[in-house]
Amino acid sequence: MQIQGVELEVWLALAVAVIALGVWGLKRYQAVMADGKVSISEVIETIEQSEDLIDDVVDKAEDVADALEEAKAEESEVEEPIAA
Protein backbone atom coordinates (compact mmCIF):
# COMPACT_ATOMS: atom_id res chain seq x y z
CA MET A 1 0.00 0.00 0.00
CA GLN A 2 1.25 3.46 -0.83
CA ILE A 3 0.50 6.96 0.37
CA GLN A 4 1.46 9.67 -2.14
CA GLY A 5 3.56 7.11 -3.96
CA VAL A 6 5.53 6.13 -0.86
CA GLU A 7 5.32 2.71 0.76
CA LEU A 8 3.33 2.57 3.98
CA GLU A 9 6.32 1.11 5.86
CA VAL A 10 8.32 4.30 5.32
CA TRP A 11 5.49 6.43 6.72
CA LEU A 12 5.06 4.06 9.67
CA ALA A 13 8.77 4.21 10.49
CA LEU A 14 8.56 8.00 10.61
CA ALA A 15 5.41 7.92 12.74
CA VAL A 16 6.95 5.47 15.22
CA ALA A 17 10.10 7.59 15.53
CA VAL A 18 8.08 10.78 16.15
CA ILE A 19 5.82 9.05 18.69
CA ALA A 20 8.83 7.56 20.49
CA LEU A 21 10.41 11.01 20.72
CA GLY A 22 7.14 12.48 22.02
CA VAL A 23 6.70 9.79 24.68
CA TRP A 24 10.32 10.12 25.75
CA GLY A 25 9.92 13.90 25.93
CA LEU A 26 6.81 13.63 28.08
CA LYS A 27 8.49 11.20 30.47
CA ARG A 28 11.59 13.37 30.63
CA TYR A 29 9.45 16.45 31.32
CA GLN A 30 7.71 14.65 34.17
CA ALA A 31 11.05 13.56 35.63
CA VAL A 32 12.55 17.05 35.37
CA MET A 33 9.48 18.73 36.85
CA ALA A 34 9.14 16.21 39.71
CA ASP A 35 10.86 18.58 42.14
CA GLY A 36 9.08 21.65 40.74
CA LYS A 37 12.16 23.40 39.38
CA VAL A 38 14.46 22.97 36.42
CA SER A 39 18.22 23.29 36.72
CA ILE A 40 20.61 24.04 33.90
CA SER A 41 22.23 20.64 34.39
CA GLU A 42 18.85 18.95 33.80
CA VAL A 43 18.40 20.93 30.58
CA ILE A 44 21.87 19.99 29.34
CA GLU A 45 21.32 16.34 30.27
CA THR A 46 17.98 16.32 28.45
CA ILE A 47 19.54 17.78 25.32
CA GLU A 48 22.35 15.23 25.36
CA GLN A 49 19.96 12.32 25.90
CA SER A 50 17.60 13.45 23.14
CA GLU A 51 20.23 13.61 20.40
CA ASP A 52 19.90 9.94 19.34
CA LEU A 53 16.10 10.10 19.21
CA ILE A 54 16.16 13.34 17.25
CA ASP A 55 18.71 11.89 14.82
CA ASP A 56 16.43 8.90 14.31
CA VAL A 57 13.47 11.17 13.50
CA VAL A 58 15.60 13.20 11.09
CA ASP A 59 16.80 10.02 9.35
CA LYS A 60 13.23 8.75 8.94
CA ALA A 61 12.06 12.15 7.67
CA GLU A 62 14.88 12.16 5.12
CA ASP A 63 13.82 8.66 4.02
CA VAL A 64 10.27 9.92 3.47
CA ALA A 65 11.53 12.99 1.59
CA ASP A 66 13.73 10.82 -0.64
CA ALA A 67 10.86 8.43 -1.33
CA LEU A 68 8.55 11.35 -2.18
CA GLU A 69 11.11 12.73 -4.62
CA GLU A 70 11.45 9.30 -6.26
CA ALA A 71 7.67 8.98 -6.52
CA LYS A 72 7.39 12.42 -8.11
CA ALA A 73 10.17 11.56 -10.58
CA GLU A 74 8.44 8.32 -11.53
CA GLU A 75 5.12 10.13 -11.86
CA SER A 76 6.61 12.76 -14.15
CA GLU A 77 8.19 10.03 -16.32
CA VAL A 78 4.81 8.40 -16.73
CA GLU A 79 3.05 11.67 -17.56
CA GLU A 80 5.56 12.83 -20.16
CA PRO A 81 4.43 11.81 -23.63
CA ILE A 82 6.96 10.05 -25.77
CA ALA A 83 8.07 12.31 -28.61
CA ALA A 84 8.01 10.61 -31.95
PDB file of N, CA and C in Angstrom:
ATOM      1  N   MET A   1       0.842  -1.172   0.000  1.00  0.00           N
ATOM      2  CA  MET A   1       0.000   0.000   0.000  1.00  0.00           C
ATOM      3  C   MET A   1       0.890   1.240   0.000  1.00  0.00           C
ATOM      4  N   GLN A   2       0.456   2.244  -0.722  1.00  0.00           N
ATOM      5  CA  GLN A   2       1.245   3.463  -0.830  1.00  0.00           C
ATOM      6  C   GLN A   2       0.411   4.685  -0.451  1.00  0.00           C
ATOM      7  N   ILE A   3       1.097   5.668   0.088  1.00  0.00           N
ATOM      8  CA  ILE A   3       0.499   6.964   0.372  1.00  0.00           C
ATOM      9  C   ILE A   3       1.353   7.985  -0.364  1.00  0.00           C
ATOM     10  N   GLN A   4       0.758   8.701  -1.295  1.00  0.00           N
ATOM     11  CA  GLN A   4       1.456   9.666  -2.144  1.00  0.00           C
ATOM     12  C   GLN A   4       2.658   9.030  -2.825  1.00  0.00           C
ATOM     13  N   GLY A   5       2.513   7.806  -3.231  1.00  0.00           N
ATOM     14  CA  GLY A   5       3.559   7.113  -3.963  1.00  0.00           C
ATOM     15  C   GLY A   5       4.675   6.557  -3.097  1.00  0.00           C
ATOM     16  N   VAL A   6       4.517   6.611  -1.789  1.00  0.00           N
ATOM     17  CA  VAL A   6       5.535   6.130  -0.865  1.00  0.00           C
ATOM     18  C   VAL A   6       4.964   4.953  -0.081  1.00  0.00           C
ATOM     19  N   GLU A   7       5.775   3.907   0.049  1.00  0.00           N
ATOM     20  CA  GLU A   7       5.319   2.713   0.758  1.00  0.00           C
ATOM     21  C   GLU A   7       4.891   3.050   2.188  1.00  0.00           C
ATOM     22  N   LEU A   8       3.886   2.356   2.646  1.00  0.00           N
ATOM     23  CA  LEU A   8       3.335   2.570   3.979  1.00  0.00           C
ATOM     24  C   LEU A   8       4.386   2.344   5.066  1.00  0.00           C
ATOM     25  N   GLU A   9       5.299   1.411   4.858  1.00  0.00           N
ATOM     26  CA  GLU A   9       6.320   1.112   5.857  1.00  0.00           C
ATOM     27  C   GLU A   9       7.206   2.317   6.145  1.00  0.00           C
ATOM     28  N   VAL A  10       7.481   3.113   5.136  1.00  0.00           N
ATOM     29  CA  VAL A  10       8.318   4.303   5.318  1.00  0.00           C
ATOM     30  C   VAL A  10       7.585   5.321   6.188  1.00  0.00           C
ATOM     31  N   TRP A  11       6.297   5.503   5.912  1.00  0.00           N
ATOM     32  CA  TRP A  11       5.490   6.425   6.720  1.00  0.00           C
ATOM     33  C   TRP A  11       5.380   5.926   8.158  1.00  0.00           C
ATOM     34  N   LEU A  12       5.176   4.619   8.322  1.00  0.00           N
ATOM     35  CA  LEU A  12       5.060   4.063   9.670  1.00  0.00           C
ATOM     36  C   LEU A  12       6.354   4.216  10.458  1.00  0.00           C
ATOM     37  N   ALA A  13       7.484   4.037   9.809  1.00  0.00           N
ATOM     38  CA  ALA A  13       8.765   4.206  10.488  1.00  0.00           C
ATOM     39  C   ALA A  13       8.912   5.644  11.003  1.00  0.00           C
ATOM     40  N   LEU A  14       8.512   6.606  10.193  1.00  0.00           N
ATOM     41  CA  LEU A  14       8.560   8.002  10.614  1.00  0.00           C
ATOM     42  C   LEU A  14       7.602   8.246  11.780  1.00  0.00           C
ATOM     43  N   ALA A  15       6.397   7.730  11.680  1.00  0.00           N
ATOM     44  CA  ALA A  15       5.409   7.919  12.744  1.00  0.00           C
ATOM     45  C   ALA A  15       5.890   7.315  14.062  1.00  0.00           C
ATOM     46  N   VAL A  16       6.456   6.128  14.005  1.00  0.00           N
ATOM     47  CA  VAL A  16       6.951   5.472  15.217  1.00  0.00           C
ATOM     48  C   VAL A  16       8.087   6.289  15.833  1.00  0.00           C
ATOM     49  N   ALA A  17       8.989   6.798  15.013  1.00  0.00           N
ATOM     50  CA  ALA A  17      10.104   7.591  15.532  1.00  0.00           C
ATOM     51  C   ALA A  17       9.606   8.877  16.198  1.00  0.00           C
ATOM     52  N   VAL A  18       8.628   9.540  15.586  1.00  0.00           N
ATOM     53  CA  VAL A  18       8.079  10.777  16.148  1.00  0.00           C
ATOM     54  C   VAL A  18       7.336  10.484  17.453  1.00  0.00           C
ATOM     55  N   ILE A  19       6.557   9.414  17.476  1.00  0.00           N
ATOM     56  CA  ILE A  19       5.819   9.048  18.688  1.00  0.00           C
ATOM     57  C   ILE A  19       6.789   8.681  19.803  1.00  0.00           C
ATOM     58  N   ALA A  20       7.835   7.933  19.480  1.00  0.00           N
ATOM     59  CA  ALA A  20       8.829   7.562  20.494  1.00  0.00           C
ATOM     60  C   ALA A  20       9.488   8.806  21.085  1.00  0.00           C
ATOM     61  N   LEU A  21       9.818   9.764  20.231  1.00  0.00           N
ATOM     62  CA  LEU A  21      10.408  11.011  20.718  1.00  0.00           C
ATOM     63  C   LEU A  21       9.420  11.761  21.607  1.00  0.00           C
ATOM     64  N   GLY A  22       8.160  11.803  21.220  1.00  0.00           N
ATOM     65  CA  GLY A  22       7.143  12.485  22.023  1.00  0.00           C
ATOM     66  C   GLY A  22       6.939  11.833  23.379  1.00  0.00           C
ATOM     67  N   VAL A  23       6.872  10.512  23.413  1.00  0.00           N
ATOM     68  CA  VAL A  23       6.698   9.789  24.679  1.00  0.00           C
ATOM     69  C   VAL A  23       7.912  10.000  25.571  1.00  0.00           C
ATOM     70  N   TRP A  24       9.108   9.884  24.974  1.00  0.00           N
ATOM     71  CA  TRP A  24      10.323  10.117  25.753  1.00  0.00           C
ATOM     72  C   TRP A  24      10.326  11.535  26.316  1.00  0.00           C
ATOM     73  N   GLY A  25       9.952  12.512  25.491  1.00  0.00           N
ATOM     74  CA  GLY A  25       9.920  13.903  25.934  1.00  0.00           C
ATOM     75  C   GLY A  25       8.952  14.124  27.084  1.00  0.00           C
ATOM     76  N   LEU A  26       7.792  13.505  27.005  1.00  0.00           N
ATOM     77  CA  LEU A  26       6.812  13.635  28.082  1.00  0.00           C
ATOM     78  C   LEU A  26       7.335  13.019  29.375  1.00  0.00           C
ATOM     79  N   LYS A  27       7.930  11.836  29.280  1.00  0.00           N
ATOM     80  CA  LYS A  27       8.487  11.196  30.475  1.00  0.00           C
ATOM     81  C   LYS A  27       9.634  12.021  31.048  1.00  0.00           C
ATOM     82  N   ARG A  28      10.470  12.550  30.167  1.00  0.00           N
ATOM     83  CA  ARG A  28      11.594  13.369  30.630  1.00  0.00           C
ATOM     84  C   ARG A  28      11.084  14.639  31.300  1.00  0.00           C
ATOM     85  N   TYR A  29      10.051  15.246  30.733  1.00  0.00           N
ATOM     86  CA  TYR A  29       9.454  16.445  31.320  1.00  0.00           C
ATOM     87  C   TYR A  29       8.929  16.146  32.719  1.00  0.00           C
ATOM     88  N   GLN A  30       8.240  15.023  32.863  1.00  0.00           N
ATOM     89  CA  GLN A  30       7.713  14.648  34.173  1.00  0.00           C
ATOM     90  C   GLN A  30       8.836  14.428  35.182  1.00  0.00           C
ATOM     91  N   ALA A  31       9.929  13.806  34.732  1.00  0.00           N
ATOM     92  CA  ALA A  31      11.051  13.565  35.631  1.00  0.00           C
ATOM     93  C   ALA A  31      11.731  14.880  36.033  1.00  0.00           C
ATOM     94  N   VAL A  32      11.893  15.779  35.083  1.00  0.00           N
ATOM     95  CA  VAL A  32      12.549  17.049  35.369  1.00  0.00           C
ATOM     96  C   VAL A  32      11.686  17.907  36.284  1.00  0.00           C
ATOM     97  N   MET A  33      10.395  17.892  36.066  1.00  0.00           N
ATOM     98  CA  MET A  33       9.484  18.733  36.847  1.00  0.00           C
ATOM     99  C   MET A  33       9.044  18.092  38.160  1.00  0.00           C
ATOM    100  N   ALA A  34       9.549  16.907  38.482  1.00  0.00           N
ATOM    101  CA  ALA A  34       9.135  16.213  39.706  1.00  0.00           C
ATOM    102  C   ALA A  34       9.425  17.046  40.954  1.00  0.00           C
ATOM    103  N   ASP A  35      10.531  17.766  40.970  1.00  0.00           N
ATOM    104  CA  ASP A  35      10.857  18.584  42.138  1.00  0.00           C
ATOM    105  C   ASP A  35      10.339  20.018  42.020  1.00  0.00           C
ATOM    106  N   GLY A  36       9.693  20.339  40.914  1.00  0.00           N
ATOM    107  CA  GLY A  36       9.078  21.648  40.738  1.00  0.00           C
ATOM    108  C   GLY A  36       9.988  22.726  40.170  1.00  0.00           C
ATOM    109  N   LYS A  37      11.251  22.416  39.960  1.00  0.00           N
ATOM    110  CA  LYS A  37      12.155  23.404  39.385  1.00  0.00           C
ATOM    111  C   LYS A  37      13.094  22.716  38.395  1.00  0.00           C
ATOM    112  N   VAL A  38      13.597  23.497  37.463  1.00  0.00           N
ATOM    113  CA  VAL A  38      14.461  22.969  36.416  1.00  0.00           C
ATOM    114  C   VAL A  38      15.840  23.608  36.562  1.00  0.00           C
ATOM    115  N   SER A  39      16.850  22.769  36.636  1.00  0.00           N
ATOM    116  CA  SER A  39      18.220  23.287  36.723  1.00  0.00           C
ATOM    117  C   SER A  39      18.860  23.244  35.342  1.00  0.00           C
ATOM    118  N   ILE A  40      19.911  24.015  35.194  1.00  0.00           N
ATOM    119  CA  ILE A  40      20.607  24.044  33.905  1.00  0.00           C
ATOM    120  C   ILE A  40      21.220  22.678  33.601  1.00  0.00           C
ATOM    121  N   SER A  41      21.651  21.968  34.616  1.00  0.00           N
ATOM    122  CA  SER A  41      22.234  20.641  34.391  1.00  0.00           C
ATOM    123  C   SER A  41      21.177  19.662  33.855  1.00  0.00           C
ATOM    124  N   GLU A  42      19.926  19.803  34.311  1.00  0.00           N
ATOM    125  CA  GLU A  42      18.853  18.955  33.796  1.00  0.00           C
ATOM    126  C   GLU A  42      18.565  19.267  32.334  1.00  0.00           C
ATOM    127  N   VAL A  43      18.628  20.527  31.973  1.00  0.00           N
ATOM    128  CA  VAL A  43      18.404  20.933  30.583  1.00  0.00           C
ATOM    129  C   VAL A  43      19.504  20.366  29.689  1.00  0.00           C
ATOM    130  N   ILE A  44      20.747  20.510  30.123  1.00  0.00           N
ATOM    131  CA  ILE A  44      21.871  19.990  29.337  1.00  0.00           C
ATOM    132  C   ILE A  44      21.780  18.474  29.203  1.00  0.00           C
ATOM    133  N   GLU A  45      21.459  17.800  30.297  1.00  0.00           N
ATOM    134  CA  GLU A  45      21.320  16.337  30.268  1.00  0.00           C
ATOM    135  C   GLU A  45      20.204  15.907  29.314  1.00  0.00           C
ATOM    136  N   THR A  46      19.101  16.631  29.340  1.00  0.00           N
ATOM    137  CA  THR A  46      17.981  16.322  28.452  1.00  0.00           C
ATOM    138  C   THR A  46      18.383  16.482  26.988  1.00  0.00           C
ATOM    139  N   ILE A  47      19.093  17.546  26.694  1.00  0.00           N
ATOM    140  CA  ILE A  47      19.538  17.779  25.318  1.00  0.00           C
ATOM    141  C   ILE A  47      20.471  16.667  24.865  1.00  0.00           C
ATOM    142  N   GLU A  48      21.410  16.293  25.721  1.00  0.00           N
ATOM    143  CA  GLU A  48      22.350  15.229  25.363  1.00  0.00           C
ATOM    144  C   GLU A  48      21.645  13.894  25.154  1.00  0.00           C
ATOM    145  N   GLN A  49      20.671  13.591  26.011  1.00  0.00           N
ATOM    146  CA  GLN A  49      19.958  12.319  25.900  1.00  0.00           C
ATOM    147  C   GLN A  49      19.043  12.277  24.684  1.00  0.00           C
ATOM    148  N   SER A  50      18.563  13.416  24.249  1.00  0.00           N
ATOM    149  CA  SER A  50      17.600  13.450  23.144  1.00  0.00           C
ATOM    150  C   SER A  50      18.254  13.372  21.770  1.00  0.00           C
ATOM    151  N   GLU A  51      19.552  13.538  21.691  1.00  0.00           N
ATOM    152  CA  GLU A  51      20.232  13.606  20.397  1.00  0.00           C
ATOM    153  C   GLU A  51      19.988  12.361  19.533  1.00  0.00           C
ATOM    154  N   ASP A  52      20.094  11.172  20.114  1.00  0.00           N
ATOM    155  CA  ASP A  52      19.902   9.944  19.336  1.00  0.00           C
ATOM    156  C   ASP A  52      18.476   9.834  18.808  1.00  0.00           C
ATOM    157  N   LEU A  53      17.501  10.177  19.653  1.00  0.00           N
ATOM    158  CA  LEU A  53      16.103  10.103  19.214  1.00  0.00           C
ATOM    159  C   LEU A  53      15.823  11.124  18.118  1.00  0.00           C
ATOM    160  N   ILE A  54      16.359  12.309  18.266  1.00  0.00           N
ATOM    161  CA  ILE A  54      16.157  13.343  17.253  1.00  0.00           C
ATOM    162  C   ILE A  54      16.821  12.939  15.945  1.00  0.00           C
ATOM    163  N   ASP A  55      18.030  12.376  16.032  1.00  0.00           N
ATOM    164  CA  ASP A  55      18.706  11.895  14.825  1.00  0.00           C
ATOM    165  C   ASP A  55      17.895  10.825  14.118  1.00  0.00           C
ATOM    166  N   ASP A  56      17.260   9.951  14.891  1.00  0.00           N
ATOM    167  CA  ASP A  56      16.426   8.902  14.307  1.00  0.00           C
ATOM    168  C   ASP A  56      15.233   9.501  13.564  1.00  0.00           C
ATOM    169  N   VAL A  57      14.597  10.504  14.157  1.00  0.00           N
ATOM    170  CA  VAL A  57      13.466  11.170  13.502  1.00  0.00           C
ATOM    171  C   VAL A  57      13.931  11.855  12.220  1.00  0.00           C
ATOM    172  N   VAL A  58      15.073  12.515  12.278  1.00  0.00           N
ATOM    173  CA  VAL A  58      15.604  13.199  11.086  1.00  0.00           C
ATOM    174  C   VAL A  58      15.905  12.188   9.989  1.00  0.00           C
ATOM    175  N   ASP A  59      16.512  11.055  10.350  1.00  0.00           N
ATOM    176  CA  ASP A  59      16.800  10.016   9.354  1.00  0.00           C
ATOM    177  C   ASP A  59      15.526   9.509   8.691  1.00  0.00           C
ATOM    178  N   LYS A  60      14.497   9.253   9.492  1.00  0.00           N
ATOM    179  CA  LYS A  60      13.231   8.754   8.942  1.00  0.00           C
ATOM    180  C   LYS A  60      12.571   9.813   8.065  1.00  0.00           C
ATOM    181  N   ALA A  61      12.647  11.077   8.475  1.00  0.00           N
ATOM    182  CA  ALA A  61      12.062  12.155   7.669  1.00  0.00           C
ATOM    183  C   ALA A  61      12.795  12.288   6.336  1.00  0.00           C
ATOM    184  N   GLU A  62      14.116  12.114   6.361  1.00  0.00           N
ATOM    185  CA  GLU A  62      14.875  12.157   5.117  1.00  0.00           C
ATOM    186  C   GLU A  62      14.509  10.981   4.211  1.00  0.00           C
ATOM    187  N   ASP A  63      14.262   9.812   4.806  1.00  0.00           N
ATOM    188  CA  ASP A  63      13.824   8.662   4.019  1.00  0.00           C
ATOM    189  C   ASP A  63      12.500   8.949   3.317  1.00  0.00           C
ATOM    190  N   VAL A  64      11.568   9.570   4.054  1.00  0.00           N
ATOM    191  CA  VAL A  64      10.273   9.915   3.465  1.00  0.00           C
ATOM    192  C   VAL A  64      10.466  10.948   2.355  1.00  0.00           C
ATOM    193  N   ALA A  65      11.296  11.950   2.601  1.00  0.00           N
ATOM    194  CA  ALA A  65      11.532  12.985   1.588  1.00  0.00           C
ATOM    195  C   ALA A  65      12.144  12.382   0.326  1.00  0.00           C
ATOM    196  N   ASP A  66      13.111  11.487   0.512  1.00  0.00           N
ATOM    197  CA  ASP A  66      13.728  10.824  -0.643  1.00  0.00           C
ATOM    198  C   ASP A  66      12.710   9.990  -1.411  1.00  0.00           C
ATOM    199  N   ALA A  67      11.873   9.264  -0.682  1.00  0.00           N
ATOM    200  CA  ALA A  67      10.865   8.427  -1.328  1.00  0.00           C
ATOM    201  C   ALA A  67       9.840   9.286  -2.072  1.00  0.00           C
ATOM    202  N   LEU A  68       9.479  10.439  -1.495  1.00  0.00           N
ATOM    203  CA  LEU A  68       8.548  11.346  -2.176  1.00  0.00           C
ATOM    204  C   LEU A  68       9.159  11.888  -3.460  1.00  0.00           C
ATOM    205  N   GLU A  69      10.443  12.240  -3.420  1.00  0.00           N
ATOM    206  CA  GLU A  69      11.111  12.728  -4.623  1.00  0.00           C
ATOM    207  C   GLU A  69      11.152  11.650  -5.698  1.00  0.00           C
ATOM    208  N   GLU A  70      11.438  10.412  -5.301  1.00  0.00           N
ATOM    209  CA  GLU A  70      11.451   9.302  -6.260  1.00  0.00           C
ATOM    210  C   GLU A  70      10.069   9.084  -6.866  1.00  0.00           C
ATOM    211  N   ALA A  71       9.039   9.168  -6.021  1.00  0.00           N
ATOM    212  CA  ALA A  71       7.674   8.976  -6.517  1.00  0.00           C
ATOM    213  C   ALA A  71       7.296  10.079  -7.503  1.00  0.00           C
ATOM    214  N   LYS A  72       7.692  11.320  -7.205  1.00  0.00           N
ATOM    215  CA  LYS A  72       7.392  12.421  -8.115  1.00  0.00           C
ATOM    216  C   LYS A  72       8.143  12.246  -9.432  1.00  0.00           C
ATOM    217  N   ALA A  73       9.382  11.780  -9.363  1.00  0.00           N
ATOM    218  CA  ALA A  73      10.170  11.563 -10.580  1.00  0.00           C
ATOM    219  C   ALA A  73       9.540  10.473 -11.435  1.00  0.00           C
ATOM    220  N   GLU A  74       9.105   9.405 -10.794  1.00  0.00           N
ATOM    221  CA  GLU A  74       8.444   8.321 -11.527  1.00  0.00           C
ATOM    222  C   GLU A  74       7.137   8.795 -12.130  1.00  0.00           C
ATOM    223  N   GLU A  75       6.403   9.610 -11.383  1.00  0.00           N
ATOM    224  CA  GLU A  75       5.122  10.128 -11.862  1.00  0.00           C
ATOM    225  C   GLU A  75       5.330  11.036 -13.070  1.00  0.00           C
ATOM    226  N   SER A  76       6.367  11.858 -13.030  1.00  0.00           N
ATOM    227  CA  SER A  76       6.612  12.761 -14.154  1.00  0.00           C
ATOM    228  C   SER A  76       7.070  11.986 -15.388  1.00  0.00           C
ATOM    229  N   GLU A  77       7.782  10.872 -15.189  1.00  0.00           N
ATOM    230  CA  GLU A  77       8.193  10.033 -16.320  1.00  0.00           C
ATOM    231  C   GLU A  77       6.976   9.411 -17.000  1.00  0.00           C
ATOM    232  N   VAL A  78       6.009   9.034 -16.189  1.00  0.00           N
ATOM    233  CA  VAL A  78       4.806   8.400 -16.733  1.00  0.00           C
ATOM    234  C   VAL A  78       3.962   9.424 -17.477  1.00  0.00           C
ATOM    235  N   GLU A  79       3.894  10.641 -16.962  1.00  0.00           N
ATOM    236  CA  GLU A  79       3.049  11.668 -17.557  1.00  0.00           C
ATOM    237  C   GLU A  79       3.631  12.275 -18.818  1.00  0.00           C
ATOM    238  N   GLU A  80       4.943  12.243 -18.978  1.00  0.00           N
ATOM    239  CA  GLU A  80       5.563  12.831 -20.159  1.00  0.00           C
ATOM    240  C   GLU A  80       5.269  11.981 -21.378  1.00  0.00           C
ATOM    241  N   PRO A  81       4.687  12.591 -22.400  1.00  0.00           N
ATOM    242  CA  PRO A  81       4.433  11.811 -23.634  1.00  0.00           C
ATOM    243  C   PRO A  81       5.747  11.524 -24.357  1.00  0.00           C
ATOM    244  N   ILE A  82       5.783  10.427 -25.016  1.00  0.00           N
ATOM    245  CA  ILE A  82       6.963  10.050 -25.768  1.00  0.00           C
ATOM    246  C   ILE A  82       6.932  10.775 -27.101  1.00  0.00           C
ATOM    247  N   ALA A  83       7.991  11.536 -27.359  1.00  0.00           N
ATOM    248  CA  ALA A  83       8.070  12.308 -28.606  1.00  0.00           C
ATOM    249  C   ALA A  83       8.456  11.372 -29.738  1.00  0.00           C
ATOM    250  N   ALA A  84       7.725  11.478 -30.809  1.00  0.00           N
ATOM    251  CA  ALA A  84       8.014  10.610 -31.954  1.00  0.00           C
ATOM    252  C   ALA A  84       8.623  11.386 -33.082  1.00  0.00           C
TER     253      ALA A  84
END
